[in-house]
């Protein structure tokens, strides 16, 4: 089974996360600039309230057996300071049912199934 790991991180931490994933053997990542807010409902600086805060969305599809390692790698690289800070981001994990290669139109076999 394949798993999609989506991480929303601070923009200034995205290069650290990408480097950590590359060093760990996971070079395939999609990166997007996004904006949004979490429980904090934005941020107020002086008299100005910013409802949407810039973040970076990183998406990677990995084997289910590698899921926890990838999550731990992202958390360690994305966390600010030793204990982390409010607004460091979120990680969402979902199953991937099928994968197709666009150039060939071929459905890819489940990697864990093909290795067995």
PDB file of N, CA and C in Angstrom:
ATOM      1  N   UNK A   1       0.841  -1.182   0.000  1.00  0.00           N
ATOM      2  CA  UNK A   1       0.000   0.000   0.000  1.00  0.00           C
ATOM      3  C   UNK A   1       0.880   1.237   0.000  1.00  0.00           C
ATOM      4  N   UNK A   2       0.438   2.244  -0.716  1.00  0.00           N
ATOM      5  CA  UNK A   2       1.145   3.515  -0.781  1.00  0.00           C
ATOM      6  C   UNK A   2       0.408   4.531   0.088  1.00  0.00           C
ATOM      7  N   UNK A   3       1.156   5.480   0.620  1.00  0.00           N
ATOM      8  CA  UNK A   3       0.627   6.499   1.512  1.00  0.00           C
ATOM      9  C   UNK A   3       1.029   7.868   0.997  1.00  0.00           C
ATOM     10  N   UNK A   4       0.085   8.822   1.005  1.00  0.00           N
ATOM     11  CA  UNK A   4       0.411  10.201   0.661  1.00  0.00           C
ATOM     12  C   UNK A   4       0.600  10.981   1.951  1.00  0.00           C
ATOM     13  N   UNK A   5       1.761  11.611   2.062  1.00  0.00           N
ATOM     14  CA  UNK A   5       2.074  12.437   3.217  1.00  0.00           C
ATOM     15  C   UNK A   5       2.081  13.886   2.737  1.00  0.00           C
ATOM     16  N   UNK A   6       1.188  14.686   3.311  1.00  0.00           N
ATOM     17  CA  UNK A   6       1.114  16.117   2.989  1.00  0.00           C
ATOM     18  C   UNK A   6       1.527  16.902   4.226  1.00  0.00           C
ATOM     19  N   UNK A   7       2.532  17.731   4.081  1.00  0.00           N
ATOM     20  CA  UNK A   7       3.020  18.527   5.196  1.00  0.00           C
ATOM     21  C   UNK A   7       2.878  19.999   4.868  1.00  0.00           C
ATOM     22  N   UNK A   8       2.235  20.722   5.774  1.00  0.00           N
ATOM     23  CA  UNK A   8       2.143  22.177   5.657  1.00  0.00           C
ATOM     24  C   UNK A   8       3.145  22.732   6.652  1.00  0.00           C
ATOM     25  N   UNK A   9       4.164  23.431   6.128  1.00  0.00           N
ATOM     26  CA  UNK A   9       5.259  23.908   6.970  1.00  0.00           C
ATOM     27  C   UNK A   9       5.496  25.399   6.760  1.00  0.00           C
ATOM     28  N   UNK A  10       6.251  25.984   7.676  1.00  0.00           N
ATOM     29  CA  UNK A  10       6.661  27.380   7.509  1.00  0.00           C
ATOM     30  C   UNK A  10       7.523  27.485   6.244  1.00  0.00           C
ATOM     31  N   UNK A  11       7.331  28.531   5.444  1.00  0.00           N
ATOM     32  CA  UNK A  11       8.122  28.663   4.206  1.00  0.00           C
ATOM     33  C   UNK A  11       9.633  28.645   4.449  1.00  0.00           C
ATOM     34  N   UNK A  12      10.059  29.225   5.557  1.00  0.00           N
ATOM     35  CA  UNK A  12      11.494  29.278   5.837  1.00  0.00           C
ATOM     36  C   UNK A  12      12.063  27.921   6.246  1.00  0.00           C
ATOM     37  N   UNK A  13      11.209  26.943   6.508  1.00  0.00           N
ATOM     38  CA  UNK A  13      11.654  25.602   6.874  1.00  0.00           C
ATOM     39  C   UNK A  13      11.551  24.599   5.720  1.00  0.00           C
ATOM     40  N   UNK A  14      10.935  25.000   4.608  1.00  0.00           N
ATOM     41  CA  UNK A  14      10.705  24.049   3.520  1.00  0.00           C
ATOM     42  C   UNK A  14      12.011  23.515   2.929  1.00  0.00           C
ATOM     43  N   UNK A  15      13.029  24.344   2.767  1.00  0.00           N
ATOM     44  CA  UNK A  15      14.297  23.851   2.227  1.00  0.00           C
ATOM     45  C   UNK A  15      14.960  22.856   3.181  1.00  0.00           C
ATOM     46  N   UNK A  16      14.818  23.091   4.492  1.00  0.00           N
ATOM     47  CA  UNK A  16      15.360  22.152   5.484  1.00  0.00           C
ATOM     48  C   UNK A  16      14.655  20.797   5.368  1.00  0.00           C
ATOM     49  N   UNK A  17      13.342  20.822   5.193  1.00  0.00           N
ATOM     50  CA  UNK A  17      12.574  19.579   5.069  1.00  0.00           C
ATOM     51  C   UNK A  17      12.955  18.853   3.778  1.00  0.00           C
ATOM     52  N   UNK A  18      13.035  19.586   2.670  1.00  0.00           N
ATOM     53  CA  UNK A  18      13.412  18.972   1.399  1.00  0.00           C
ATOM     54  C   UNK A  18      14.801  18.340   1.474  1.00  0.00           C
ATOM     55  N   UNK A  19      15.750  19.031   2.113  1.00  0.00           N
ATOM     56  CA  UNK A  19      17.109  18.507   2.256  1.00  0.00           C
ATOM     57  C   UNK A  19      17.118  17.249   3.127  1.00  0.00           C
ATOM     58  N   UNK A  20      16.335  17.259   4.203  1.00  0.00           N
ATOM     59  CA  UNK A  20      16.270  16.096   5.103  1.00  0.00           C
ATOM     60  C   UNK A  20      15.657  14.898   4.393  1.00  0.00           C
ATOM     61  N   UNK A  21      14.594  15.130   3.610  1.00  0.00           N
ATOM     62  CA  UNK A  21      13.980  14.033   2.862  1.00  0.00           C
ATOM     63  C   UNK A  21      14.937  13.484   1.802  1.00  0.00           C
ATOM     64  N   UNK A  22      15.650  14.367   1.126  1.00  0.00           N
ATOM     65  CA  UNK A  22      16.619  13.941   0.113  1.00  0.00           C
ATOM     66  C   UNK A  22      17.714  13.094   0.768  1.00  0.00           C
ATOM     67  N   UNK A  23      18.251  13.561   1.884  1.00  0.00           N
ATOM     68  CA  UNK A  23      19.308  12.833   2.589  1.00  0.00           C
ATOM     69  C   UNK A  23      18.814  11.476   3.095  1.00  0.00           C
ATOM     70  N   UNK A  24      17.516  11.392   3.404  1.00  0.00           N
ATOM     71  CA  UNK A  24      16.932  10.141   3.904  1.00  0.00           C
ATOM     72  C   UNK A  24      16.532   9.196   2.774  1.00  0.00           C
ATOM     73  N   UNK A  25      16.717   9.625   1.517  1.00  0.00           N
ATOM     74  CA  UNK A  25      16.400   8.754   0.388  1.00  0.00           C
ATOM     75  C   UNK A  25      15.013   8.936  -0.192  1.00  0.00           C
ATOM     76  N   UNK A  26      14.397  10.096   0.070  1.00  0.00           N
ATOM     77  CA  UNK A  26      13.056  10.381  -0.450  1.00  0.00           C
ATOM     78  C   UNK A  26      13.092  11.685  -1.260  1.00  0.00           C
ATOM     79  N   UNK A  27      13.628  11.629  -2.495  1.00  0.00           N
ATOM     80  CA  UNK A  27      13.778  12.845  -3.295  1.00  0.00           C
ATOM     81  C   UNK A  27      12.501  13.329  -3.976  1.00  0.00           C
ATOM     82  N   UNK A  28      11.491  12.463  -4.118  1.00  0.00           N
ATOM     83  CA  UNK A  28      10.283  12.809  -4.869  1.00  0.00           C
ATOM     84  C   UNK A  28       9.302  13.573  -3.984  1.00  0.00           C
ATOM     85  N   UNK A  29       9.227  14.876  -4.206  1.00  0.00           N
ATOM     86  CA  UNK A  29       8.348  15.745  -3.411  1.00  0.00           C
ATOM     87  C   UNK A  29       7.751  16.806  -4.325  1.00  0.00           C
ATOM     88  N   UNK A  30       6.483  17.102  -4.140  1.00  0.00           N
ATOM     89  CA  UNK A  30       5.833  18.215  -4.817  1.00  0.00           C
ATOM     90  C   UNK A  30       5.752  19.357  -3.818  1.00  0.00           C
ATOM     91  N   UNK A  31       6.093  20.565  -4.266  1.00  0.00           N
ATOM     92  CA  UNK A  31       6.137  21.734  -3.376  1.00  0.00           C
ATOM     93  C   UNK A  31       5.240  22.831  -3.938  1.00  0.00           C
ATOM     94  N   UNK A  32       4.387  23.386  -3.063  1.00  0.00           N
ATOM     95  CA  UNK A  32       3.490  24.474  -3.462  1.00  0.00           C
ATOM     96  C   UNK A  32       3.456  25.553  -2.392  1.00  0.00           C
ATOM     97  N   UNK A  33       3.361  26.779  -2.813  1.00  0.00           N
ATOM     98  CA  UNK A  33       3.134  27.872  -1.877  1.00  0.00           C
ATOM     99  C   UNK A  33       1.634  27.962  -1.630  1.00  0.00           C
ATOM    100  N   UNK A  34       1.243  28.005  -0.370  1.00  0.00           N
ATOM    101  CA  UNK A  34      -0.163  28.086  -0.001  1.00  0.00           C
ATOM    102  C   UNK A  34      -0.327  29.162   1.068  1.00  0.00           C
ATOM    103  N   UNK A  35      -1.549  29.510   1.358  1.00  0.00           N
ATOM    104  CA  UNK A  35      -1.850  30.456   2.433  1.00  0.00           C
ATOM    105  C   UNK A  35      -3.073  29.943   3.177  1.00  0.00           C
ATOM    106  N   UNK A  36      -3.074  30.136   4.461  1.00  0.00           N
ATOM    107  CA  UNK A  36      -4.211  29.684   5.248  1.00  0.00           C
ATOM    108  C   UNK A  36      -4.032  30.047   6.703  1.00  0.00           C
ATOM    109  N   UNK A  37      -4.867  29.459   7.526  1.00  0.00           N
ATOM    110  CA  UNK A  37      -4.762  29.700   8.958  1.00  0.00           C
ATOM    111  C   UNK A  37      -5.199  28.457   9.699  1.00  0.00           C
ATOM    112  N   UNK A  38      -4.662  28.291  10.871  1.00  0.00           N
ATOM    113  CA  UNK A  38      -5.034  27.177  11.722  1.00  0.00           C
ATOM    114  C   UNK A  38      -5.915  27.667  12.846  1.00  0.00           C
ATOM    115  N   UNK A  39      -5.779  27.023  13.983  1.00  0.00           N
ATOM    116  CA  UNK A  39      -6.589  27.373  15.144  1.00  0.00           C
ATOM    117  C   UNK A  39      -6.365  28.799  15.618  1.00  0.00           C
ATOM    118  N   UNK A  40      -5.188  29.348  15.293  1.00  0.00           N
ATOM    119  CA  UNK A  40      -4.871  30.692  15.777  1.00  0.00           C
ATOM    120  C   UNK A  40      -5.644  31.785  15.025  1.00  0.00           C
ATOM    121  N   UNK A  41      -6.337  31.403  13.951  1.00  0.00           N
ATOM    122  CA  UNK A  41      -7.158  32.347  13.163  1.00  0.00           C
ATOM    123  C   UNK A  41      -6.351  33.525  12.624  1.00  0.00           C
ATOM    124  N   UNK A  42      -5.167  33.252  12.154  1.00  0.00           N
ATOM    125  CA  UNK A  42      -4.325  34.304  11.607  1.00  0.00           C
ATOM    126  C   UNK A  42      -3.411  34.874  12.681  1.00  0.00           C
ATOM    127  N   UNK A  43      -2.878  36.049  12.399  1.00  0.00           N
ATOM    128  CA  UNK A  43      -1.958  36.688  13.336  1.00  0.00           C
ATOM    129  C   UNK A  43      -2.212  38.196  13.347  1.00  0.00           C
ATOM    130  N   UNK A  44      -2.123  38.795  14.508  1.00  0.00           N
ATOM    131  CA  UNK A  44      -2.328  40.236  14.632  1.00  0.00           C
ATOM    132  C   UNK A  44      -0.990  40.893  14.954  1.00  0.00           C
ATOM    133  N   UNK A  45      -0.612  41.838  14.110  1.00  0.00           N
ATOM    134  CA  UNK A  45       0.614  42.596  14.310  1.00  0.00           C
ATOM    135  C   UNK A  45       0.211  44.060  14.393  1.00  0.00           C
ATOM    136  N   UNK A  46       0.325  44.609  15.587  1.00  0.00           N
ATOM    137  CA  UNK A  46      -0.147  45.978  15.810  1.00  0.00           C
ATOM    138  C   UNK A  46      -1.646  46.030  15.611  1.00  0.00           C
ATOM    139  N   UNK A  47      -2.092  46.922  14.766  1.00  0.00           N
ATOM    140  CA  UNK A  47      -3.514  47.076  14.484  1.00  0.00           C
ATOM    141  C   UNK A  47      -3.984  46.233  13.296  1.00  0.00           C
ATOM    142  N   UNK A  48      -3.042  45.566  12.634  1.00  0.00           N
ATOM    143  CA  UNK A  48      -3.375  44.807  11.431  1.00  0.00           C
ATOM    144  C   UNK A  48      -3.490  43.322  11.757  1.00  0.00           C
ATOM    145  N   UNK A  49      -4.585  42.702  11.278  1.00  0.00           N
ATOM    146  CA  UNK A  49      -4.773  41.262  11.432  1.00  0.00           C
ATOM    147  C   UNK A  49      -4.613  40.600  10.072  1.00  0.00           C
ATOM    148  N   UNK A  50      -3.754  39.614  10.012  1.00  0.00           N
ATOM    149  CA  UNK A  50      -3.538  38.848   8.793  1.00  0.00           C
ATOM    150  C   UNK A  50      -4.292  37.524   8.945  1.00  0.00           C
ATOM    151  N   UNK A  51      -5.381  37.381   8.162  1.00  0.00           N
ATOM    152  CA  UNK A  51      -6.220  36.182   8.245  1.00  0.00           C
ATOM    153  C   UNK A  51      -5.549  34.960   7.635  1.00  0.00           C
ATOM    154  N   UNK A  52      -4.748  35.181   6.617  1.00  0.00           N
ATOM    155  CA  UNK A  52      -4.083  34.070   5.952  1.00  0.00           C
ATOM    156  C   UNK A  52      -2.577  34.251   6.051  1.00  0.00           C
ATOM    157  N   UNK A  53      -1.920  33.174   6.465  1.00  0.00           N
ATOM    158  CA  UNK A  53      -0.486  33.199   6.671  1.00  0.00           C
ATOM    159  C   UNK A  53       0.174  32.348   5.595  1.00  0.00           C
ATOM    160  N   UNK A  54       1.269  32.836   4.979  1.00  0.00           N
ATOM    161  CA  UNK A  54       1.948  32.035   3.959  1.00  0.00           C
ATOM    162  C   UNK A  54       2.555  30.761   4.562  1.00  0.00           C
ATOM    163  N   UNK A  55       2.362  29.659   3.882  1.00  0.00           N
ATOM    164  CA  UNK A  55       2.931  28.365   4.269  1.00  0.00           C
ATOM    165  C   UNK A  55       3.385  27.655   2.995  1.00  0.00           C
ATOM    166  N   UNK A  56       4.071  26.544   3.162  1.00  0.00           N
ATOM    167  CA  UNK A  56       4.479  25.713   2.031  1.00  0.00           C
ATOM    168  C   UNK A  56       3.880  24.328   2.220  1.00  0.00           C
ATOM    169  N   UNK A  57       3.289  23.799   1.155  1.00  0.00           N
ATOM    170  CA  UNK A  57       2.716  22.458   1.164  1.00  0.00           C
ATOM    171  C   UNK A  57       3.676  21.526   0.439  1.00  0.00           C
ATOM    172  N   UNK A  58       4.098  20.470   1.124  1.00  0.00           N
ATOM    173  CA  UNK A  58       4.976  19.460   0.549  1.00  0.00           C
ATOM    174  C   UNK A  58       4.204  18.142   0.491  1.00  0.00           C
ATOM    175  N   UNK A  59       4.229  17.490  -0.675  1.00  0.00           N
ATOM    176  CA  UNK A  59       3.494  16.248  -0.868  1.00  0.00           C
ATOM    177  C   UNK A  59       4.461  15.165  -1.333  1.00  0.00           C
ATOM    178  N   UNK A  60       4.376  14.005  -0.688  1.00  0.00           N
ATOM    179  CA  UNK A  60       5.207  12.868  -1.079  1.00  0.00           C
ATOM    180  C   UNK A  60       4.382  11.586  -0.937  1.00  0.00           C
ATOM    181  N   UNK A  61       4.593  10.661  -1.845  1.00  0.00           N
ATOM    182  CA  UNK A  61       3.928   9.359  -1.781  1.00  0.00           C
ATOM    183  C   UNK A  61       5.003   8.317  -1.495  1.00  0.00           C
ATOM    184  N   UNK A  62       4.778   7.546  -0.431  1.00  0.00           N
ATOM    185  CA  UNK A  62       5.778   6.575   0.029  1.00  0.00           C
ATOM    186  C   UNK A  62       5.112   5.239   0.335  1.00  0.00           C
ATOM    187  N   UNK A  63       5.933   4.207   0.510  1.00  0.00           N
ATOM    188  CA  UNK A  63       5.412   2.908   0.932  1.00  0.00           C
ATOM    189  C   UNK A  63       4.861   3.041   2.353  1.00  0.00           C
ATOM    190  N   UNK A  64       3.826   2.293   2.655  1.00  0.00           N
ATOM    191  CA  UNK A  64       3.235   2.331   3.994  1.00  0.00           C
ATOM    192  C   UNK A  64       4.274   1.987   5.056  1.00  0.00           C
ATOM    193  N   UNK A  65       5.179   1.087   4.738  1.00  0.00           N
ATOM    194  CA  UNK A  65       6.208   0.678   5.710  1.00  0.00           C
ATOM    195  C   UNK A  65       7.199   1.800   6.012  1.00  0.00           C
ATOM    196  N   UNK A  66       7.271   2.829   5.153  1.00  0.00           N
ATOM    197  CA  UNK A  66       8.198   3.953   5.348  1.00  0.00           C
ATOM    198  C   UNK A  66       7.514   5.191   5.920  1.00  0.00           C
ATOM    199  N   UNK A  67       6.210   5.089   6.113  1.00  0.00           N
ATOM    200  CA  UNK A  67       5.409   6.239   6.539  1.00  0.00           C
ATOM    201  C   UNK A  67       5.954   6.910   7.799  1.00  0.00           C
ATOM    202  N   UNK A  68       6.141   6.176   8.868  1.00  0.00           N
ATOM    203  CA  UNK A  68       6.548   6.783  10.135  1.00  0.00           C
ATOM    204  C   UNK A  68       7.928   7.420  10.043  1.00  0.00           C
ATOM    205  N   UNK A  69       8.847   6.795   9.301  1.00  0.00           N
ATOM    206  CA  UNK A  69      10.176   7.363   9.121  1.00  0.00           C
ATOM    207  C   UNK A  69      10.092   8.714   8.411  1.00  0.00           C
ATOM    208  N   UNK A  70       9.260   8.791   7.367  1.00  0.00           N
ATOM    209  CA  UNK A  70       9.098  10.043   6.615  1.00  0.00           C
ATOM    210  C   UNK A  70       8.455  11.111   7.500  1.00  0.00           C
ATOM    211  N   UNK A  71       7.437  10.742   8.259  1.00  0.00           N
ATOM    212  CA  UNK A  71       6.786  11.691   9.165  1.00  0.00           C
ATOM    213  C   UNK A  71       7.786  12.216  10.195  1.00  0.00           C
ATOM    214  N   UNK A  72       8.562  11.333  10.796  1.00  0.00           N
ATOM    215  CA  UNK A  72       9.559  11.744  11.788  1.00  0.00           C
ATOM    216  C   UNK A  72      10.605  12.663  11.176  1.00  0.00           C
ATOM    217  N   UNK A  73      11.022  12.362   9.943  1.00  0.00           N
ATOM    218  CA  UNK A  73      12.009  13.191   9.246  1.00  0.00           C
ATOM    219  C   UNK A  73      11.459  14.594   9.006  1.00  0.00           C
ATOM    220  N   UNK A  74      10.216  14.678   8.555  1.00  0.00           N
ATOM    221  CA  UNK A  74       9.583  15.986   8.311  1.00  0.00           C
ATOM    222  C   UNK A  74       9.449  16.754   9.618  1.00  0.00           C
ATOM    223  N   UNK A  75       8.957  16.095  10.661  1.00  0.00           N
ATOM    224  CA  UNK A  75       8.762  16.781  11.943  1.00  0.00           C
ATOM    225  C   UNK A  75      10.062  17.355  12.485  1.00  0.00           C
ATOM    226  N   UNK A  76      11.105  16.560  12.425  1.00  0.00           N
ATOM    227  CA  UNK A  76      12.385  17.016  12.951  1.00  0.00           C
ATOM    228  C   UNK A  76      12.915  18.223  12.168  1.00  0.00           C
ATOM    229  N   UNK A  77      12.792  18.177  10.843  1.00  0.00           N
ATOM    230  CA  UNK A  77      13.313  19.265  10.004  1.00  0.00           C
ATOM    231  C   UNK A  77      12.438  20.508  10.025  1.00  0.00           C
ATOM    232  N   UNK A  78      11.128  20.348  10.224  1.00  0.00           N
ATOM    233  CA  UNK A  78      10.200  21.487  10.163  1.00  0.00           C
ATOM    234  C   UNK A  78      10.018  22.183  11.492  1.00  0.00           C
ATOM    235  N   UNK A  79      10.345  21.520  12.575  1.00  0.00           N
ATOM    236  CA  UNK A  79      10.139  22.066  13.914  1.00  0.00           C
ATOM    237  C   UNK A  79      11.105  23.215  14.173  1.00  0.00           C
ATOM    238  N   UNK A  80      10.584  24.305  14.740  1.00  0.00           N
ATOM    239  CA  UNK A  80      11.443  25.431  15.124  1.00  0.00           C
ATOM    240  C   UNK A  80      11.857  25.250  16.574  1.00  0.00           C
ATOM    241  N   UNK A  81      13.140  25.355  16.831  1.00  0.00           N
ATOM    242  CA  UNK A  81      13.637  25.173  18.192  1.00  0.00           C
ATOM    243  C   UNK A  81      13.579  23.712  18.602  1.00  0.00           C
ATOM    244  N   UNK A  82      14.021  23.434  19.820  1.00  0.00           N
ATOM    245  CA  UNK A  82      14.070  22.055  20.316  1.00  0.00           C
ATOM    246  C   UNK A  82      12.688  21.460  20.540  1.00  0.00           C
ATOM    247  N   UNK A  83      11.748  22.282  20.983  1.00  0.00           N
ATOM    248  CA  UNK A  83      10.400  21.784  21.300  1.00  0.00           C
ATOM    249  C   UNK A  83       9.352  22.178  20.270  1.00  0.00           C
ATOM    250  N   UNK A  84       9.725  22.988  19.297  1.00  0.00           N
ATOM    251  CA  UNK A  84       8.760  23.447  18.317  1.00  0.00           C
ATOM    252  C   UNK A  84       8.033  24.686  18.799  1.00  0.00           C
ATOM    253  N   UNK A  85       7.230  25.268  17.909  1.00  0.00           N
ATOM    254  CA  UNK A  85       6.499  26.485  18.234  1.00  0.00           C
ATOM    255  C   UNK A  85       5.144  26.465  17.549  1.00  0.00           C
ATOM    256  N   UNK A  86       4.229  27.248  18.086  1.00  0.00           N
ATOM    257  CA  UNK A  86       2.905  27.400  17.515  1.00  0.00           C
ATOM    258  C   UNK A  86       3.047  27.845  16.059  1.00  0.00           C
ATOM    259  N   UNK A  87       2.360  27.198  15.155  1.00  0.00           N
ATOM    260  CA  UNK A  87       2.417  27.579  13.744  1.00  0.00           C
ATOM    261  C   UNK A  87       3.465  26.844  12.933  1.00  0.00           C
ATOM    262  N   UNK A  88       4.110  25.815  13.521  1.00  0.00           N
ATOM    263  CA  UNK A  88       5.112  25.059  12.775  1.00  0.00           C
ATOM    264  C   UNK A  88       4.492  24.238  11.649  1.00  0.00           C
ATOM    265  N   UNK A  89       3.197  23.932  11.742  1.00  0.00           N
ATOM    266  CA  UNK A  89       2.533  23.248  10.643  1.00  0.00           C
ATOM    267  C   UNK A  89       1.794  21.990  11.053  1.00  0.00           C
ATOM    268  N   UNK A  90       1.345  21.250  10.048  1.00  0.00           N
ATOM    269  CA  UNK A  90       0.590  20.012  10.229  1.00  0.00           C
ATOM    270  C   UNK A  90       1.043  19.001   9.187  1.00  0.00           C
ATOM    271  N   UNK A  91       0.834  17.718   9.518  1.00  0.00           N
ATOM    272  CA  UNK A  91       1.094  16.639   8.569  1.00  0.00           C
ATOM    273  C   UNK A  91      -0.199  15.831   8.447  1.00  0.00           C
ATOM    274  N   UNK A  92      -0.608  15.590   7.201  1.00  0.00           N
ATOM    275  CA  UNK A  92      -1.807  14.813   6.913  1.00  0.00           C
ATOM    276  C   UNK A  92      -1.396  13.553   6.157  1.00  0.00           C
ATOM    277  N   UNK A  93      -1.931  12.407   6.545  1.00  0.00           N
ATOM    278  CA  UNK A  93      -1.571  11.124   5.951  1.00  0.00           C
ATOM    279  C   UNK A  93      -2.833  10.453   5.416  1.00  0.00           C
ATOM    280  N   UNK A  94      -2.784  10.040   4.139  1.00  0.00           N
ATOM    281  CA  UNK A  94      -3.930   9.374   3.524  1.00  0.00           C
ATOM    282  C   UNK A  94      -3.451   8.213   2.657  1.00  0.00           C
ATOM    283  N   UNK A  95      -4.281   7.195   2.503  1.00  0.00           N
ATOM    284  CA  UNK A  95      -3.905   6.081   1.616  1.00  0.00           C
ATOM    285  C   UNK A  95      -4.012   6.500   0.148  1.00  0.00           C
ATOM    286  N   UNK A  96      -3.197   5.882  -0.690  1.00  0.00           N
ATOM    287  CA  UNK A  96      -3.233   6.098  -2.139  1.00  0.00           C
ATOM    288  C   UNK A  96      -3.752   4.811  -2.764  1.00  0.00           C
ATOM    289  N   UNK A  97      -4.866   4.902  -3.463  1.00  0.00           N
ATOM    290  CA  UNK A  97      -5.486   3.710  -4.032  1.00  0.00           C
ATOM    291  C   UNK A  97      -4.820   3.248  -5.319  1.00  0.00           C
ATOM    292  N   UNK A  98      -4.497   4.191  -6.198  1.00  0.00           N
ATOM    293  CA  UNK A  98      -3.905   3.839  -7.480  1.00  0.00           C
ATOM    294  C   UNK A  98      -2.929   4.920  -7.910  1.00  0.00           C
ATOM    295  N   UNK A  99      -1.945   4.495  -8.728  1.00  0.00           N
ATOM    296  CA  UNK A  99      -0.955   5.420  -9.282  1.00  0.00           C
ATOM    297  C   UNK A  99      -0.805   5.095 -10.766  1.00  0.00           C
ATOM    298  N   UNK A 100      -0.863   6.123 -11.606  1.00  0.00           N
ATOM    299  CA  UNK A 100      -0.700   5.955 -13.042  1.00  0.00           C
ATOM    300  C   UNK A 100       0.440   6.842 -13.523  1.00  0.00           C
ATOM    301  N   UNK A 101       1.213   6.340 -14.491  1.00  0.00           N
ATOM    302  CA  UNK A 101       2.239   7.141 -15.143  1.00  0.00           C
ATOM    303  C   UNK A 101       1.599   7.772 -16.368  1.00  0.00           C
ATOM    304  N   UNK A 102       1.592   9.084 -16.428  1.00  0.00           N
ATOM    305  CA  UNK A 102       0.904   9.802 -17.503  1.00  0.00           C
ATOM    306  C   UNK A 102       1.528   9.511 -18.867  1.00  0.00           C
ATOM    307  N   UNK A 103       2.863   9.527 -18.949  1.00  0.00           N
ATOM    308  CA  UNK A 103       3.509   9.357 -20.258  1.00  0.00           C
ATOM    309  C   UNK A 103       3.182   8.017 -20.913  1.00  0.00           C
ATOM    310  N   UNK A 104       3.102   6.957 -20.123  1.00  0.00           N
ATOM    311  CA  UNK A 104       2.835   5.639 -20.690  1.00  0.00           C
ATOM    312  C   UNK A 104       1.374   5.221 -20.558  1.00  0.00           C
ATOM    313  N   UNK A 105       0.647   5.857 -19.635  1.00  0.00           N
ATOM    314  CA  UNK A 105      -0.731   5.471 -19.380  1.00  0.00           C
ATOM    315  C   UNK A 105      -0.847   4.188 -18.577  1.00  0.00           C
ATOM    316  N   UNK A 106       0.270   3.729 -18.042  1.00  0.00           N
ATOM    317  CA  UNK A 106       0.299   2.453 -17.328  1.00  0.00           C
ATOM    318  C   UNK A 106       0.020   2.659 -15.848  1.00  0.00           C
ATOM    319  N   UNK A 107      -0.823   1.766 -15.327  1.00  0.00           N
ATOM    320  CA  UNK A 107      -1.085   1.757 -13.884  1.00  0.00           C
ATOM    321  C   UNK A 107       0.101   1.084 -13.215  1.00  0.00           C
ATOM    322  N   UNK A 108       0.670   1.749 -12.230  1.00  0.00           N
ATOM    323  CA  UNK A 108       1.816   1.195 -11.530  1.00  0.00           C
ATOM    324  C   UNK A 108       1.361   0.158 -10.518  1.00  0.00           C
ATOM    325  N   UNK A 109       2.122  -0.932 -10.381  1.00  0.00           N
ATOM    326  CA  UNK A 109       1.771  -1.938  -9.366  1.00  0.00           C
ATOM    327  C   UNK A 109       2.075  -1.395  -7.985  1.00  0.00           C
ATOM    328  N   UNK A 110       1.407  -1.943  -7.006  1.00  0.00           N
ATOM    329  CA  UNK A 110       1.705  -1.597  -5.628  1.00  0.00           C
ATOM    330  C   UNK A 110       3.154  -1.993  -5.368  1.00  0.00           C
ATOM    331  N   UNK A 111       3.982  -1.050  -4.950  1.00  0.00           N
ATOM    332  CA  UNK A 111       5.414  -1.299  -4.790  1.00  0.00           C
ATOM    333  C   UNK A 111       5.680  -2.439  -3.806  1.00  0.00           C
ATOM    334  N   UNK A 112       4.988  -2.453  -2.674  1.00  0.00           N
ATOM    335  CA  UNK A 112       5.210  -3.523  -1.699  1.00  0.00           C
ATOM    336  C   UNK A 112       4.760  -4.867  -2.272  1.00  0.00           C
ATOM    337  N   UNK A 113       3.680  -4.850  -3.065  1.00  0.00           N
ATOM    338  CA  UNK A 113       3.178  -6.069  -3.674  1.00  0.00           C
ATOM    339  C   UNK A 113       4.163  -6.583  -4.719  1.00  0.00           C
ATOM    340  N   UNK A 114       4.749  -5.659  -5.498  1.00  0.00           N
ATOM    341  CA  UNK A 114       5.689  -6.038  -6.550  1.00  0.00           C
ATOM    342  C   UNK A 114       6.988  -6.575  -5.954  1.00  0.00           C
ATOM    343  N   UNK A 115       7.363  -6.107  -4.772  1.00  0.00           N
ATOM    344  CA  UNK A 115       8.607  -6.555  -4.141  1.00  0.00           C
ATOM    345  C   UNK A 115       8.480  -7.943  -3.537  1.00  0.00           C
ATOM    346  N   UNK A 116       7.249  -8.371  -3.284  1.00  0.00           N
ATOM    347  CA  UNK A 116       7.041  -9.687  -2.642  1.00  0.00           C
ATOM    348  C   UNK A 116       7.294 -10.830  -3.585  1.00  0.00           C
TER     349      UNK A 116
END
